[in-house]
Amino acid sequence: MNNQQDPNDPLQELLADDAQSVDRNRLAAFLKPYVRFDKATKEPHFLADFTTIISNEAKVEAVLLTSKARALLFDEPEGLTPIEIIKLDIMPEGSVKSSLKKLSDGRKIKKDAAGRYSIPNYRIGEVLDRLGKGA
C-alpha cells in the first residue's frame, strides 16, 4: 500500500483539517432570533421568538444547538443535563424529560457519561434544515 500523498489521487479530496467542524455561520444564523449569550456569565438568554418553535422536541434540539454554540464560543464542554435544561425555564419539566427520552430513544441525540445530552455533529445540518423551516 502506498502512503505517499499523490496530488492526483482522488481520495485526497476526502481529507480535511477538521472533519468534525461545525458550520458556525449556519449555526449562528439559526440561533440569532432565539438566543443571546451574556458576555460576563456566558449564560444563554432565550428571546421571545424562541416560543415560536412549535414542538417540544424541536425546542430541546434548539437548546442543544445553543449548548453547542456556547461550547464553541467559550471553549467549554458541550451538552446539558436535564436539570440544566429545566433550569432555563423555557418549557415545563415533564416536556423536557419526555422530549429528551424520545430524542434519545430515536438516537437523535447522545448522552455522555456525565449525563449531558448533545446533538452529534453529523446531525447538525439536518436539524438546522428542519428547524429553519419552522419545526
N, C-alpha and C. Protein backbone atom coordinates (compact mmCIF):
# COMPACT_ATOMS: atom_id res chain seq x y z
N MET A 1 0.84 -1.17 0.00
CA MET A 1 0.00 0.00 0.00
C MET A 1 0.89 1.24 0.00
N ASN A 2 0.55 2.22 -0.78
CA ASN A 2 1.35 3.41 -0.93
C ASN A 2 0.79 4.52 -0.04
N ASN A 3 1.57 4.99 0.93
CA ASN A 3 1.15 6.06 1.83
C ASN A 3 1.59 7.43 1.36
N GLN A 4 2.23 7.50 0.21
CA GLN A 4 2.66 8.78 -0.34
C GLN A 4 1.43 9.61 -0.70
N GLN A 5 1.51 10.93 -0.55
CA GLN A 5 0.40 11.81 -0.90
C GLN A 5 0.52 12.23 -2.35
N ASP A 6 -0.19 11.54 -3.19
CA ASP A 6 -0.22 11.83 -4.61
C ASP A 6 -1.31 12.88 -4.84
N PRO A 7 -0.97 14.07 -5.31
CA PRO A 7 -1.97 15.12 -5.51
C PRO A 7 -3.03 14.74 -6.55
N ASN A 8 -2.75 13.75 -7.37
CA ASN A 8 -3.73 13.32 -8.36
C ASN A 8 -4.66 12.23 -7.84
N ASP A 9 -4.39 11.76 -6.63
CA ASP A 9 -5.22 10.71 -6.03
C ASP A 9 -6.58 11.30 -5.66
N PRO A 10 -7.67 10.79 -6.22
CA PRO A 10 -8.99 11.35 -5.93
C PRO A 10 -9.39 11.23 -4.46
N LEU A 11 -8.78 10.31 -3.74
CA LEU A 11 -9.08 10.18 -2.32
C LEU A 11 -8.57 11.36 -1.51
N GLN A 12 -7.64 12.13 -2.07
CA GLN A 12 -7.13 13.32 -1.37
C GLN A 12 -8.24 14.34 -1.12
N GLU A 13 -9.29 14.29 -1.93
CA GLU A 13 -10.42 15.21 -1.76
C GLU A 13 -11.19 14.92 -0.46
N LEU A 14 -10.97 13.75 0.12
CA LEU A 14 -11.66 13.38 1.34
C LEU A 14 -10.97 13.89 2.60
N LEU A 15 -9.77 14.42 2.45
CA LEU A 15 -9.02 14.91 3.61
C LEU A 15 -9.50 16.30 4.00
N ALA A 16 -9.59 16.52 5.31
CA ALA A 16 -9.98 17.82 5.83
C ALA A 16 -9.15 18.10 7.07
N ASP A 17 -8.88 19.38 7.31
CA ASP A 17 -8.13 19.75 8.51
C ASP A 17 -8.94 19.46 9.76
N ASP A 18 -10.25 19.65 9.68
CA ASP A 18 -11.11 19.40 10.83
C ASP A 18 -12.39 18.74 10.33
N ALA A 19 -12.39 17.43 10.28
CA ALA A 19 -13.54 16.69 9.75
C ALA A 19 -14.78 16.84 10.63
N GLN A 20 -14.61 17.21 11.89
CA GLN A 20 -15.74 17.37 12.81
C GLN A 20 -16.20 18.82 12.91
N SER A 21 -15.73 19.66 12.01
CA SER A 21 -16.05 21.08 12.13
C SER A 21 -17.54 21.35 11.96
N VAL A 22 -17.98 22.42 12.58
CA VAL A 22 -19.37 22.83 12.55
C VAL A 22 -19.46 24.09 11.70
N ASP A 23 -20.49 24.17 10.87
CA ASP A 23 -20.71 25.37 10.07
C ASP A 23 -21.19 26.48 11.01
N ARG A 24 -20.25 27.25 11.51
CA ARG A 24 -20.54 28.28 12.50
C ARG A 24 -21.47 29.35 11.95
N ASN A 25 -21.35 29.67 10.67
CA ASN A 25 -22.23 30.68 10.07
C ASN A 25 -23.68 30.23 10.10
N ARG A 26 -23.91 28.99 9.71
CA ARG A 26 -25.28 28.46 9.70
C ARG A 26 -25.85 28.36 11.10
N LEU A 27 -25.03 27.90 12.03
CA LEU A 27 -25.47 27.76 13.41
C LEU A 27 -25.83 29.13 13.99
N ALA A 28 -24.98 30.12 13.76
CA ALA A 28 -25.25 31.47 14.27
C ALA A 28 -26.50 32.07 13.63
N ALA A 29 -26.65 31.88 12.33
CA ALA A 29 -27.83 32.43 11.63
C ALA A 29 -29.12 31.82 12.17
N PHE A 30 -29.08 30.51 12.46
CA PHE A 30 -30.28 29.86 13.00
C PHE A 30 -30.59 30.37 14.41
N LEU A 31 -29.58 30.47 15.26
CA LEU A 31 -29.80 30.81 16.67
C LEU A 31 -30.07 32.29 16.91
N LYS A 32 -29.66 33.16 16.00
CA LYS A 32 -29.75 34.60 16.21
C LYS A 32 -31.13 35.10 16.65
N PRO A 33 -32.23 34.62 16.08
CA PRO A 33 -33.54 35.13 16.54
C PRO A 33 -33.98 34.56 17.89
N TYR A 34 -33.28 33.54 18.38
CA TYR A 34 -33.75 32.81 19.55
C TYR A 34 -32.96 33.03 20.84
N VAL A 35 -31.70 33.40 20.75
CA VAL A 35 -30.87 33.42 21.96
C VAL A 35 -29.75 34.45 21.87
N ARG A 36 -29.35 34.94 23.04
CA ARG A 36 -28.17 35.77 23.19
C ARG A 36 -27.40 35.24 24.40
N PHE A 37 -26.08 35.39 24.36
CA PHE A 37 -25.24 34.96 25.47
C PHE A 37 -24.75 36.19 26.23
N ASP A 38 -24.84 36.14 27.54
CA ASP A 38 -24.31 37.19 28.38
C ASP A 38 -22.79 37.06 28.37
N LYS A 39 -22.08 38.13 28.01
CA LYS A 39 -20.62 38.07 27.92
C LYS A 39 -19.97 37.76 29.26
N ALA A 40 -20.52 38.30 30.33
CA ALA A 40 -19.92 38.13 31.65
C ALA A 40 -20.15 36.73 32.21
N THR A 41 -21.38 36.24 32.13
CA THR A 41 -21.71 34.95 32.73
C THR A 41 -21.64 33.79 31.75
N LYS A 42 -21.65 34.09 30.46
CA LYS A 42 -21.65 33.10 29.38
C LYS A 42 -22.96 32.30 29.33
N GLU A 43 -23.96 32.77 30.05
CA GLU A 43 -25.25 32.08 30.10
C GLU A 43 -26.12 32.48 28.92
N PRO A 44 -26.91 31.53 28.38
CA PRO A 44 -27.83 31.87 27.30
C PRO A 44 -29.09 32.53 27.86
N HIS A 45 -29.62 33.47 27.11
CA HIS A 45 -30.89 34.11 27.44
C HIS A 45 -31.76 33.98 26.20
N PHE A 46 -32.86 33.26 26.35
CA PHE A 46 -33.73 32.98 25.22
C PHE A 46 -34.67 34.15 24.97
N LEU A 47 -34.83 34.49 23.72
CA LEU A 47 -35.64 35.62 23.29
C LEU A 47 -37.08 35.17 23.05
N ALA A 48 -37.96 36.13 22.90
CA ALA A 48 -39.39 35.84 22.71
C ALA A 48 -39.65 34.94 21.50
N ASP A 49 -38.87 35.08 20.44
CA ASP A 49 -39.08 34.26 19.25
C ASP A 49 -38.87 32.77 19.50
N PHE A 50 -38.18 32.43 20.58
CA PHE A 50 -37.97 31.01 20.90
C PHE A 50 -39.31 30.29 21.05
N THR A 51 -40.32 31.00 21.56
CA THR A 51 -41.65 30.38 21.77
C THR A 51 -42.33 30.04 20.45
N THR A 52 -41.82 30.55 19.33
CA THR A 52 -42.43 30.22 18.04
C THR A 52 -42.03 28.84 17.54
N ILE A 53 -41.04 28.24 18.18
CA ILE A 53 -40.67 26.86 17.82
C ILE A 53 -41.79 25.97 18.34
N ILE A 54 -42.41 25.22 17.45
CA ILE A 54 -43.67 24.56 17.76
C ILE A 54 -43.54 23.33 18.67
N SER A 55 -42.77 22.34 18.28
CA SER A 55 -42.76 21.09 19.05
C SER A 55 -41.74 21.13 20.18
N ASN A 56 -42.03 20.39 21.22
CA ASN A 56 -41.12 20.31 22.36
C ASN A 56 -39.79 19.68 21.97
N GLU A 57 -39.82 18.67 21.11
CA GLU A 57 -38.58 18.04 20.66
C GLU A 57 -37.71 19.05 19.92
N ALA A 58 -38.34 19.88 19.10
CA ALA A 58 -37.59 20.91 18.36
C ALA A 58 -37.01 21.94 19.32
N LYS A 59 -37.75 22.27 20.38
CA LYS A 59 -37.22 23.21 21.37
C LYS A 59 -35.99 22.62 22.05
N VAL A 60 -36.05 21.35 22.41
CA VAL A 60 -34.90 20.71 23.05
C VAL A 60 -33.72 20.69 22.08
N GLU A 61 -33.97 20.38 20.82
CA GLU A 61 -32.88 20.40 19.84
C GLU A 61 -32.28 21.80 19.71
N ALA A 62 -33.12 22.83 19.71
CA ALA A 62 -32.63 24.20 19.64
C ALA A 62 -31.79 24.55 20.87
N VAL A 63 -32.21 24.08 22.03
CA VAL A 63 -31.44 24.30 23.26
C VAL A 63 -30.10 23.59 23.17
N LEU A 64 -30.09 22.38 22.63
CA LEU A 64 -28.83 21.64 22.50
C LEU A 64 -27.92 22.28 21.45
N LEU A 65 -28.51 22.88 20.41
CA LEU A 65 -27.70 23.64 19.46
C LEU A 65 -27.11 24.88 20.13
N THR A 66 -27.88 25.47 21.04
CA THR A 66 -27.39 26.61 21.82
C THR A 66 -26.19 26.18 22.67
N SER A 67 -26.28 25.00 23.26
CA SER A 67 -25.18 24.46 24.04
C SER A 67 -23.94 24.25 23.18
N LYS A 68 -24.16 23.78 21.95
CA LYS A 68 -23.04 23.58 21.02
C LYS A 68 -22.39 24.92 20.69
N ALA A 69 -23.21 25.94 20.43
CA ALA A 69 -22.67 27.27 20.13
C ALA A 69 -21.89 27.82 21.33
N ARG A 70 -22.43 27.63 22.51
CA ARG A 70 -21.75 28.10 23.73
C ARG A 70 -20.40 27.41 23.88
N ALA A 71 -20.36 26.12 23.64
CA ALA A 71 -19.10 25.38 23.74
C ALA A 71 -18.08 25.91 22.74
N LEU A 72 -18.54 26.22 21.53
CA LEU A 72 -17.63 26.76 20.51
C LEU A 72 -17.18 28.17 20.84
N LEU A 73 -18.08 28.99 21.35
CA LEU A 73 -17.76 30.38 21.69
C LEU A 73 -16.78 30.50 22.85
N PHE A 74 -17.02 29.73 23.88
CA PHE A 74 -16.29 29.90 25.12
C PHE A 74 -15.35 28.75 25.45
N ASP A 75 -15.15 27.85 24.49
CA ASP A 75 -14.25 26.70 24.66
C ASP A 75 -14.56 25.95 25.95
N GLU A 76 -15.84 25.56 26.08
CA GLU A 76 -16.33 24.84 27.24
C GLU A 76 -16.87 23.49 26.80
N PRO A 77 -17.08 22.59 27.74
CA PRO A 77 -17.68 21.30 27.38
C PRO A 77 -19.09 21.49 26.82
N GLU A 78 -19.44 20.66 25.90
CA GLU A 78 -20.75 20.72 25.25
C GLU A 78 -21.74 19.83 25.99
N GLY A 79 -23.01 20.18 25.89
CA GLY A 79 -24.07 19.34 26.41
C GLY A 79 -24.71 19.92 27.66
N LEU A 80 -25.93 19.46 27.91
CA LEU A 80 -26.70 19.89 29.06
C LEU A 80 -27.37 18.69 29.71
N THR A 81 -27.45 18.73 31.03
CA THR A 81 -28.19 17.70 31.75
C THR A 81 -29.67 18.09 31.74
N PRO A 82 -30.56 17.15 32.01
CA PRO A 82 -31.98 17.50 32.08
C PRO A 82 -32.26 18.63 33.07
N ILE A 83 -31.59 18.61 34.21
CA ILE A 83 -31.79 19.66 35.23
C ILE A 83 -31.38 21.03 34.68
N GLU A 84 -30.27 21.07 33.96
CA GLU A 84 -29.80 22.35 33.39
C GLU A 84 -30.82 22.89 32.38
N ILE A 85 -31.41 22.01 31.60
CA ILE A 85 -32.43 22.44 30.63
C ILE A 85 -33.67 22.95 31.36
N ILE A 86 -34.08 22.22 32.39
CA ILE A 86 -35.25 22.62 33.18
C ILE A 86 -35.02 23.99 33.82
N LYS A 87 -33.81 24.22 34.33
CA LYS A 87 -33.48 25.50 34.99
C LYS A 87 -33.52 26.68 34.02
N LEU A 88 -33.43 26.42 32.72
CA LEU A 88 -33.54 27.51 31.74
C LEU A 88 -34.94 28.10 31.73
N ASP A 89 -35.91 27.34 32.26
CA ASP A 89 -37.29 27.78 32.41
C ASP A 89 -37.91 28.21 31.06
N ILE A 90 -37.69 27.38 30.07
CA ILE A 90 -38.24 27.67 28.74
C ILE A 90 -39.36 26.72 28.35
N MET A 91 -39.52 25.66 29.15
CA MET A 91 -40.60 24.71 28.91
C MET A 91 -40.82 23.90 30.18
N PRO A 92 -42.00 23.29 30.33
CA PRO A 92 -42.29 22.52 31.55
C PRO A 92 -41.35 21.32 31.73
N GLU A 93 -41.11 20.99 33.00
CA GLU A 93 -40.20 19.90 33.35
C GLU A 93 -40.58 18.58 32.66
N GLY A 94 -41.86 18.24 32.67
CA GLY A 94 -42.30 16.99 32.05
C GLY A 94 -42.04 16.98 30.55
N SER A 95 -42.18 18.13 29.92
CA SER A 95 -41.92 18.23 28.48
C SER A 95 -40.44 18.04 28.18
N VAL A 96 -39.59 18.58 29.04
CA VAL A 96 -38.15 18.42 28.86
C VAL A 96 -37.78 16.94 28.95
N LYS A 97 -38.24 16.29 30.00
CA LYS A 97 -37.87 14.89 30.23
C LYS A 97 -38.41 13.97 29.13
N SER A 98 -39.68 14.16 28.74
CA SER A 98 -40.25 13.30 27.71
C SER A 98 -39.61 13.55 26.35
N SER A 99 -39.26 14.81 26.06
CA SER A 99 -38.61 15.12 24.79
C SER A 99 -37.21 14.54 24.73
N LEU A 100 -36.47 14.65 25.83
CA LEU A 100 -35.13 14.04 25.87
C LEU A 100 -35.21 12.54 25.67
N LYS A 101 -36.17 11.90 26.32
CA LYS A 101 -36.32 10.45 26.18
C LYS A 101 -36.65 10.08 24.74
N LYS A 102 -37.60 10.80 24.14
CA LYS A 102 -38.00 10.50 22.76
C LYS A 102 -36.83 10.70 21.79
N LEU A 103 -36.10 11.80 21.94
CA LEU A 103 -34.96 12.07 21.06
C LEU A 103 -33.84 11.07 21.29
N SER A 104 -33.61 10.70 22.54
CA SER A 104 -32.56 9.73 22.86
C SER A 104 -32.93 8.34 22.35
N ASP A 105 -34.17 7.93 22.59
CA ASP A 105 -34.62 6.62 22.11
C ASP A 105 -34.53 6.53 20.59
N GLY A 106 -34.77 7.64 19.91
CA GLY A 106 -34.68 7.68 18.45
C GLY A 106 -33.27 7.90 17.94
N ARG A 107 -32.32 7.92 18.86
CA ARG A 107 -30.91 8.12 18.53
C ARG A 107 -30.66 9.43 17.79
N LYS A 108 -31.44 10.43 18.14
CA LYS A 108 -31.30 11.76 17.54
C LYS A 108 -30.32 12.62 18.33
N ILE A 109 -30.16 12.29 19.61
CA ILE A 109 -29.21 12.99 20.48
C ILE A 109 -28.39 11.93 21.20
N LYS A 110 -27.27 12.37 21.78
CA LYS A 110 -26.44 11.42 22.51
C LYS A 110 -26.27 11.91 23.95
N LYS A 111 -25.98 10.96 24.83
CA LYS A 111 -25.80 11.24 26.25
C LYS A 111 -24.41 10.76 26.64
N ASP A 112 -23.64 11.64 27.28
CA ASP A 112 -22.30 11.24 27.69
C ASP A 112 -22.31 10.63 29.09
N ALA A 113 -21.15 10.24 29.57
CA ALA A 113 -21.04 9.57 30.87
C ALA A 113 -21.48 10.45 32.03
N ALA A 114 -21.42 11.77 31.85
CA ALA A 114 -21.82 12.71 32.91
C ALA A 114 -23.31 13.03 32.85
N GLY A 115 -24.03 12.39 31.92
CA GLY A 115 -25.47 12.62 31.81
C GLY A 115 -25.85 13.85 31.01
N ARG A 116 -24.89 14.39 30.26
CA ARG A 116 -25.14 15.59 29.44
C ARG A 116 -25.57 15.16 28.04
N TYR A 117 -26.63 15.77 27.56
CA TYR A 117 -27.14 15.48 26.23
C TYR A 117 -26.59 16.49 25.22
N SER A 118 -26.37 16.02 23.98
CA SER A 118 -25.91 16.90 22.91
C SER A 118 -26.36 16.32 21.57
N ILE A 119 -26.27 17.16 20.56
CA ILE A 119 -26.59 16.74 19.20
C ILE A 119 -25.28 16.38 18.51
N PRO A 120 -25.19 15.17 17.96
CA PRO A 120 -23.95 14.80 17.26
C PRO A 120 -23.71 15.74 16.07
N ASN A 121 -22.46 16.04 15.80
CA ASN A 121 -22.12 16.96 14.70
C ASN A 121 -22.71 16.52 13.36
N TYR A 122 -22.79 15.22 13.12
CA TYR A 122 -23.29 14.75 11.84
C TYR A 122 -24.78 15.06 11.64
N ARG A 123 -25.50 15.39 12.72
CA ARG A 123 -26.92 15.71 12.63
C ARG A 123 -27.22 17.20 12.54
N ILE A 124 -26.22 18.03 12.76
CA ILE A 124 -26.47 19.47 12.83
C ILE A 124 -27.12 20.00 11.55
N GLY A 125 -26.61 19.64 10.39
CA GLY A 125 -27.18 20.11 9.13
C GLY A 125 -28.64 19.73 8.98
N GLU A 126 -28.97 18.49 9.31
CA GLU A 126 -30.35 18.02 9.20
C GLU A 126 -31.26 18.78 10.16
N VAL A 127 -30.79 19.00 11.39
CA VAL A 127 -31.58 19.72 12.38
C VAL A 127 -31.79 21.16 11.94
N LEU A 128 -30.73 21.81 11.48
CA LEU A 128 -30.85 23.19 11.03
C LEU A 128 -31.80 23.30 9.84
N ASP A 129 -31.71 22.35 8.92
CA ASP A 129 -32.63 22.36 7.77
C ASP A 129 -34.08 22.25 8.23
N ARG A 130 -34.35 21.32 9.13
CA ARG A 130 -35.72 21.09 9.59
C ARG A 130 -36.23 22.24 10.45
N LEU A 131 -35.44 22.66 11.42
CA LEU A 131 -35.89 23.71 12.33
C LEU A 131 -35.94 25.07 11.63
N GLY A 132 -35.07 25.26 10.66
CA GLY A 132 -35.07 26.52 9.91
C GLY A 132 -36.34 26.71 9.09
N LYS A 133 -37.07 25.63 8.87
CA LYS A 133 -38.32 25.69 8.12
C LYS A 133 -39.52 25.80 9.05
N GLY A 134 -39.27 26.00 10.34
CA GLY A 134 -40.35 26.19 11.30
C GLY A 134 -40.90 24.88 11.83
N ALA A 135 -40.09 24.21 12.63
CA ALA A 135 -40.47 22.90 13.17
C ALA A 135 -41.72 22.96 14.01
